[in-house]
Protein backbone atom coordinates (compact mmCIF):
# COMPACT_ATOMS: atom_id res chain seq x y z
CA MET A 1 -6.89 -12.45 -21.28
CA ALA A 2 -6.30 -13.80 -17.78
CA THR A 3 -3.55 -12.26 -15.71
CA PRO A 4 -0.98 -14.82 -14.54
CA THR A 5 -1.04 -15.44 -10.83
CA LEU A 6 1.78 -13.88 -8.83
CA PRO A 7 4.00 -16.11 -6.69
CA ASN A 8 2.33 -17.25 -3.50
CA SER A 9 3.58 -15.97 -0.16
CA ARG A 10 6.15 -18.27 1.37
CA THR A 11 9.28 -18.43 3.50
CA GLU A 12 12.38 -19.80 1.81
CA PRO A 13 14.89 -22.19 3.44
CA ASP A 14 17.47 -19.38 3.58
CA GLY A 15 15.11 -17.26 5.70
CA SER A 16 14.09 -14.89 2.90
CA ALA A 17 10.37 -14.30 2.40
CA VAL A 18 8.11 -13.86 -0.62
CA ILE A 19 5.27 -11.52 0.33
CA ARG A 20 2.37 -9.78 -1.36
CA VAL A 21 1.80 -6.07 -0.71
CA LEU A 22 -1.45 -4.33 -1.69
CA ALA A 23 -1.86 -0.53 -1.85
CA TYR A 24 -5.50 0.55 -1.89
CA ASN A 25 -7.40 3.82 -1.47
CA VAL A 26 -10.70 2.70 0.10
CA ARG A 27 -12.48 6.11 0.16
CA SER A 28 -13.42 5.90 3.84
CA LEU A 29 -15.44 2.71 3.17
CA ARG A 30 -18.20 4.79 1.58
CA ASP A 31 -18.79 2.35 -1.27
CA ASP A 32 -19.53 -1.41 -1.44
CA THR A 33 -17.57 -2.83 1.48
CA ASP A 34 -18.50 -6.41 0.60
CA ALA A 35 -16.98 -5.95 -2.87
CA LEU A 36 -13.94 -4.32 -1.29
CA ALA A 37 -13.45 -7.25 1.07
CA ARG A 38 -13.73 -9.72 -1.80
CA VAL A 39 -11.07 -7.90 -3.81
CA ILE A 40 -8.64 -7.72 -0.88
CA THR A 41 -9.20 -11.37 0.04
CA ALA A 42 -8.64 -12.56 -3.55
CA CYS A 43 -5.32 -10.67 -3.71
CA ALA A 44 -4.11 -12.62 -0.62
CA PRO A 45 -1.87 -9.80 0.65
CA ASP A 46 0.47 -10.10 3.61
CA LEU A 47 0.34 -6.31 3.95
CA VAL A 48 -2.43 -3.92 2.93
CA LEU A 49 -1.34 -0.28 2.68
CA VAL A 50 -4.65 1.56 3.05
CA GLN A 51 -5.42 5.16 2.16
CA GLU A 52 -8.52 7.07 3.23
CA ALA A 53 -9.28 4.70 6.07
CA PRO A 54 -12.21 5.85 8.24
CA ARG A 55 -11.19 8.80 10.44
CA PHE A 56 -14.32 9.87 12.26
CA PHE A 57 -17.16 8.31 14.28
CA ARG A 58 -16.33 4.71 15.29
CA TRP A 59 -13.44 4.64 12.87
CA ARG A 60 -11.60 1.88 14.78
CA LYS A 61 -14.61 -0.42 14.60
CA LYS A 62 -15.05 0.20 10.87
CA LEU A 63 -11.40 -0.50 10.09
CA ALA A 64 -11.41 -3.60 12.31
CA ARG A 65 -14.52 -4.84 10.53
CA LEU A 66 -12.76 -4.56 7.16
CA ALA A 67 -9.72 -6.37 8.52
CA ALA A 68 -11.86 -9.19 9.92
CA ALA A 69 -13.80 -9.53 6.65
CA THR A 70 -10.51 -10.08 4.80
CA GLY A 71 -8.82 -12.35 7.33
CA ARG A 72 -6.35 -9.64 8.38
CA ILE A 73 -5.69 -7.58 11.47
CA VAL A 74 -5.22 -3.84 11.90
CA LEU A 75 -1.52 -3.20 12.34
CA THR A 76 -1.62 0.58 12.72
CA GLY A 77 -3.05 3.82 11.36
CA GLY A 78 -6.46 5.27 10.60
CA ALA A 79 -7.45 8.55 12.25
CA THR A 80 -4.16 8.59 14.18
CA ALA A 81 -2.29 8.89 10.84
CA ALA A 82 -4.92 11.16 9.20
CA GLY A 83 -6.10 8.37 6.92
CA PRO A 84 -3.30 5.95 5.99
CA ALA A 85 -3.41 2.55 7.71
CA ILE A 86 -1.73 -0.83 7.49
CA LEU A 87 -3.44 -4.22 7.72
CA CYS A 88 -1.45 -7.44 7.90
CA SER A 89 -1.91 -11.18 7.80
CA LEU A 90 -1.22 -13.37 10.81
CA ARG A 91 1.98 -14.40 9.04
CA ALA A 92 3.59 -11.11 10.10
CA THR A 93 5.42 -10.75 13.40
CA ILE A 94 4.99 -7.18 14.58
CA GLU A 95 8.08 -5.48 15.95
CA ARG A 96 6.85 -1.90 16.34
CA THR A 97 4.47 0.67 14.87
CA GLU A 98 4.27 4.46 14.70
CA ASP A 99 1.74 6.87 13.23
CA VAL A 100 3.14 10.18 12.05
CA LEU A 101 1.20 13.42 11.45
CA LEU A 102 2.78 15.73 8.89
CA PRO A 103 2.84 19.55 9.17
CA LEU A 104 -0.56 21.06 8.53
CA THR A 105 -0.97 23.67 5.80
CA PRO A 106 -3.92 25.94 6.70
CA GLY A 107 -6.89 25.25 4.50
CA LEU A 108 -5.63 21.86 3.34
CA HIS A 109 -6.33 18.34 4.54
CA ARG A 110 -4.05 16.97 7.27
CA ARG A 111 -1.72 14.23 6.02
CA GLY A 112 0.24 11.52 7.78
CA PHE A 113 2.10 8.23 7.49
CA ALA A 114 1.28 4.86 9.02
CA THR A 115 4.55 3.01 9.65
CA ALA A 116 5.69 -0.30 11.09
CA VAL A 117 8.55 -2.76 11.29
CA VAL A 118 7.56 -6.40 10.84
CA ARG A 119 9.16 -9.78 10.26
CA PHE A 120 8.27 -12.58 7.87
CA GLY A 121 10.39 -15.61 8.70
CA GLY A 122 13.97 -14.36 8.79
CA ALA A 123 13.16 -11.22 6.80
CA ARG A 124 12.81 -7.87 8.59
CA LEU A 125 10.88 -5.14 6.79
CA GLY A 126 9.98 -1.50 7.28
CA VAL A 127 6.53 -0.52 5.99
CA LEU A 128 4.94 2.86 5.23
CA SER A 129 1.48 3.77 3.93
CA CYS A 130 0.95 7.29 2.56
CA HIS A 131 -1.55 9.58 0.86
CA LEU A 132 0.22 12.67 -0.45
CA SER A 133 -1.14 16.18 -0.88
CA LEU A 134 -3.18 17.45 -3.80
CA ARG A 135 -0.98 20.57 -3.86
CA ARG A 136 2.21 20.22 -5.88
CA ASP A 137 4.70 22.00 -3.58
CA GLU A 138 3.38 20.40 -0.40
CA ARG A 139 3.36 16.99 -2.11
CA HIS A 140 7.03 17.36 -3.04
CA GLU A 141 7.94 18.24 0.55
CA GLN A 142 6.00 15.22 1.77
CA GLY A 143 7.93 13.02 -0.67
CA GLY A 144 11.12 14.08 1.05
CA MET A 145 9.56 13.41 4.46
CA LEU A 146 8.57 9.95 3.26
CA LEU A 147 12.17 9.12 2.32
CA ASP A 148 13.42 10.50 5.64
CA ARG A 149 10.84 8.47 7.56
CA LEU A 150 11.80 5.26 5.76
CA ALA A 151 15.45 5.86 6.63
CA ALA A 152 14.50 6.57 10.25
CA LEU A 153 12.91 3.11 10.56
CA GLY A 154 16.47 1.80 10.81
CA VAL A 155 16.00 -1.32 8.72
CA GLU A 156 17.85 -2.43 5.60
CA HIS A 157 14.75 -3.30 3.60
CA ALA A 158 11.51 -1.33 3.38
CA VAL A 159 8.39 -0.84 1.27
CA ALA A 160 6.22 2.24 0.88
CA GLY A 161 3.01 2.64 -1.03
CA GLY A 162 -0.16 4.55 -1.47
CA ASP A 163 -1.98 7.29 -3.31
CA LEU A 164 0.57 9.82 -4.57
CA ASN A 165 -1.96 12.11 -6.27
CA GLU A 166 0.59 12.34 -9.07
CA ARG A 167 1.54 10.52 -12.26
CA PRO A 168 4.98 8.96 -12.88
CA ASP A 169 6.21 12.02 -14.80
CA GLY A 170 5.56 14.31 -11.81
CA ARG A 171 8.50 15.57 -9.80
CA THR A 172 7.44 13.95 -6.51
CA PHE A 173 6.85 10.58 -8.15
CA ARG A 174 10.26 10.91 -9.86
CA ARG A 175 11.87 11.87 -6.55
CA LEU A 176 10.61 8.66 -4.98
CA ALA A 177 11.46 6.54 -8.02
CA ASP A 178 15.02 7.93 -8.06
CA ALA A 179 15.57 6.84 -4.45
CA LEU A 180 13.50 3.63 -4.44
CA GLN A 181 12.38 0.96 -6.87
CA ASP A 182 9.06 1.81 -8.53
CA CYS A 183 7.79 -1.76 -8.44
CA ARG A 184 5.46 -1.40 -11.42
CA ALA A 185 8.27 -0.01 -13.61
CA VAL A 186 10.73 -2.70 -12.47
CA SER A 187 8.46 -5.70 -13.06
CA PRO A 188 5.20 -4.82 -14.85
CA TRP A 189 2.30 -7.22 -14.25
CA GLY A 190 -1.47 -6.87 -14.54
CA GLY A 191 -2.95 -3.47 -15.32
CA GLU A 192 -1.25 -0.09 -15.20
CA PHE A 193 -3.80 2.64 -14.47
CA THR A 194 -5.30 3.04 -11.00
CA SER A 195 -7.65 6.04 -11.29
CA THR A 196 -10.49 6.11 -11.59
CA ALA A 197 -11.99 2.67 -11.00
CA ALA A 198 -14.80 3.47 -13.44
CA ASP A 199 -12.49 5.02 -16.05
CA PRO A 200 -8.85 4.00 -15.48
CA HIS A 201 -6.63 6.49 -17.31
CA GLN A 202 -3.77 7.42 -14.98
CA ARG A 203 -1.34 5.76 -12.56
CA ILE A 204 -1.34 7.76 -9.34
CA ASP A 205 -1.06 4.85 -6.86
CA ALA A 206 2.18 2.91 -6.44
CA VAL A 207 4.31 0.55 -4.39
CA PHE A 208 8.01 1.33 -3.88
CA ALA A 209 10.76 -0.88 -2.47
CA THR A 210 14.32 -0.25 -1.32
CA GLU A 211 17.26 -1.73 -3.19
CA GLY A 212 17.95 -5.36 -2.37
CA ILE A 213 14.28 -6.33 -2.49
CA GLU A 214 13.48 -8.43 -5.57
CA VAL A 215 10.33 -7.27 -7.36
CA LEU A 216 8.54 -10.32 -8.80
CA GLY A 217 5.62 -8.43 -10.31
CA CYS A 218 3.45 -5.37 -9.67
CA GLY A 219 0.28 -3.87 -11.07
CA VAL A 220 -3.48 -3.67 -10.90
CA PRO A 221 -4.81 -7.23 -10.34
CA LEU A 222 -7.07 -7.29 -13.39
CA GLY A 223 -7.90 -10.88 -14.27
CA LEU A 224 -6.38 -12.29 -11.10
CA PRO A 225 -8.38 -15.36 -10.06
CA GLY A 226 -11.12 -14.28 -7.67
CA VAL A 227 -10.89 -10.59 -8.58
CA ASN A 228 -14.12 -9.56 -10.29
CA GLU A 229 -14.06 -6.42 -12.43
CA ALA A 230 -17.53 -5.45 -11.23
CA ASP A 231 -16.26 -5.67 -7.65
CA LEU A 232 -13.31 -3.43 -8.55
CA ARG A 233 -15.70 -0.77 -9.84
CA ARG A 234 -18.03 -1.02 -6.83
CA ALA A 235 -15.43 -1.25 -4.09
CA THR A 236 -14.03 2.30 -4.22
CA ASP A 237 -12.97 4.98 -6.69
CA HIS A 238 -9.39 3.72 -7.10
CA LEU A 239 -8.01 0.43 -8.37
CA PRO A 240 -5.55 -1.39 -6.11
CA VAL A 241 -1.87 -2.05 -6.78
CA LEU A 242 -0.59 -5.53 -5.91
CA ALA A 243 3.13 -6.34 -5.69
CA ALA A 244 4.94 -9.63 -5.06
CA LEU A 245 8.32 -9.08 -3.44
CA ARG A 246 11.17 -11.26 -2.21
CA ILE A 247 12.65 -9.85 1.01
CA PRO A 248 16.17 -11.07 1.88
CA ALA A 249 16.80 -12.54 5.30
CA SER A 250 18.13 -10.02 7.79
């Protein structure tokens, strides 16, 4: 059964903006990058919250190549955020960006946040892309840092998304969902499970929004026009999460 199309991006007469936000773990572009570009393009996102962006040799060129292939630009992140990145459409007006490295636990992978403040029409929005730890205690601490970082952006409305490495019944996921809107739970749309792409059986990737943002739909874009299931399997080892949001005018 075909998935209904989400609302198209647009700016309303009152200055509010309808935007599409895509969270996607791209596994360092180690898989079929043409399939990945087709999936992103078909989702028509205004913001792409990337996890596992390239971090090593010529990482900037690789990330820029993905952005160009999807008609987007690199807003921030990559190696400078230890993997998370943000791409955006030309519709976004960029106010500021900051990449944040989180405390390093010896023996574990370095984590970070890619953050930005952007405008769409009269709507001002904070944005954060994350990839949380595999270790439970560290992940919970990073959840608190995520909430603190969103607050530090100093904007009324914000979105955060990425690979949480945890299901909705986990304490870090619950911590975020208690403070923010879990967009999939608020307005289910499309598919639910994000991992793995070959055998989807768990939801460990999510998009969250602050109160005041209207969630118009959120989920895995299965059946969305232009999104091919074979491409989803070839693109990377996660399925993406696509959310349509209405951001009030500032």
